Protein backbone atom coordinates (compact mmCIF):
# COMPACT_ATOMS: atom_id res chain seq x y z
CA UNK A 1 -22.35 -0.34 -3.45
CA UNK A 2 -22.48 2.00 -0.51
CA UNK A 3 -24.87 4.94 -0.47
CA UNK A 4 -24.23 7.99 1.70
CA UNK A 5 -26.82 8.34 4.44
CA UNK A 6 -28.74 11.61 4.14
CA UNK A 7 -31.30 12.78 6.63
CA UNK A 8 -34.74 13.10 5.04
CA UNK A 9 -37.73 15.11 6.20
CA UNK A 10 -40.14 13.74 8.79
CA UNK A 11 -43.06 14.56 6.51
CA UNK A 12 -42.44 11.19 4.85
CA UNK A 13 -44.26 9.68 7.84
CA UNK A 14 -47.49 11.22 6.56
CA UNK A 15 -47.53 8.85 3.58
CA UNK A 16 -48.05 5.65 5.64
CA UNK A 17 -50.38 7.48 8.04
CA UNK A 18 -52.76 8.44 5.23
CA UNK A 19 -52.31 5.47 2.88
CA UNK A 20 -51.43 2.60 5.22
CA UNK A 21 -49.28 -0.22 3.91
CA UNK A 22 -49.28 1.17 0.35
CA UNK A 23 -47.84 4.48 1.58
CA UNK A 24 -45.35 2.61 3.74
CA UNK A 25 -44.09 0.60 0.79
CA UNK A 26 -43.82 3.73 -1.39
CA UNK A 27 -41.94 5.60 1.34
CA UNK A 28 -39.67 2.59 1.89
CA UNK A 29 -38.63 2.38 -1.75
CA UNK A 30 -38.07 6.14 -2.00
CA UNK A 31 -36.07 6.42 1.24
CA UNK A 32 -34.21 3.10 1.35
CA UNK A 33 -30.92 4.41 -0.05
CA UNK A 34 -30.89 7.87 1.57
CA UNK A 35 -32.19 7.12 5.08
CA UNK A 36 -32.62 3.36 5.69
CA UNK A 37 -33.79 3.73 9.32
CA UNK A 38 -36.58 6.13 8.37
CA UNK A 39 -37.51 3.84 5.46
CA UNK A 40 -37.96 0.87 7.81
CA UNK A 41 -39.92 2.96 10.29
CA UNK A 42 -42.28 4.15 7.53
CA UNK A 43 -42.85 0.55 6.48
CA UNK A 44 -43.55 -0.52 10.07
CA UNK A 45 -45.89 2.43 10.57
CA UNK A 46 -47.83 1.43 7.44
CA UNK A 47 -48.18 -2.12 8.77
CA UNK A 48 -49.40 -0.89 12.16
CA UNK A 49 -52.03 1.36 10.59
CA UNK A 50 -53.16 -1.50 8.33
CA UNK A 51 -53.66 -3.77 11.36
CA UNK A 52 -55.47 -1.01 13.27
CA UNK A 53 -57.76 -0.47 10.27
CA UNK A 54 -58.58 -4.18 10.01
CA UNK A 55 -59.39 -4.40 13.74
CA UNK A 56 -61.52 -1.25 13.52
CA UNK A 57 -63.47 -2.66 10.56
CA UNK A 58 -64.09 -5.93 12.39
CA UNK A 59 -65.50 -4.09 15.42
CA UNK A 60 -67.69 -1.82 13.30
CA UNK A 61 -69.02 -4.73 11.25
CA UNK A 62 -69.76 -6.79 14.35
CA UNK A 63 -71.63 -3.94 16.04
CA UNK A 64 -74.14 -3.33 13.22
CA UNK A 65 -77.37 -5.07 14.27
CA UNK A 66 -79.84 -6.64 11.92
CA UNK A 67 -77.86 -7.12 8.72
CA UNK A 68 -79.46 -10.01 6.91
CA UNK A 69 -78.99 -11.40 3.46
CA UNK A 70 -82.30 -10.17 2.03
CA UNK A 71 -82.45 -6.69 3.60
CA UNK A 72 -86.23 -7.29 3.97
CA UNK A 73 -86.95 -6.53 0.32
CA UNK A 74 -89.93 -8.25 -1.29
CA UNK A 75 -89.84 -8.64 -5.04
């Protein structure tokens, strides 16, 4: 079954930017029949932002000094 290709708005790129891979998957399933190229790009953008978020969290977690298991609490 062939679907006609319709151009969709560029505001769909905001979904993966704000929600990462979840937004990319949602945008992919909404756009896949109307604009397949934009759907793939939204999915890729969601993956890129997910990877950037993971790397950012690793750097932030590694830079926090003095986190220990007990947090110096005496009970």
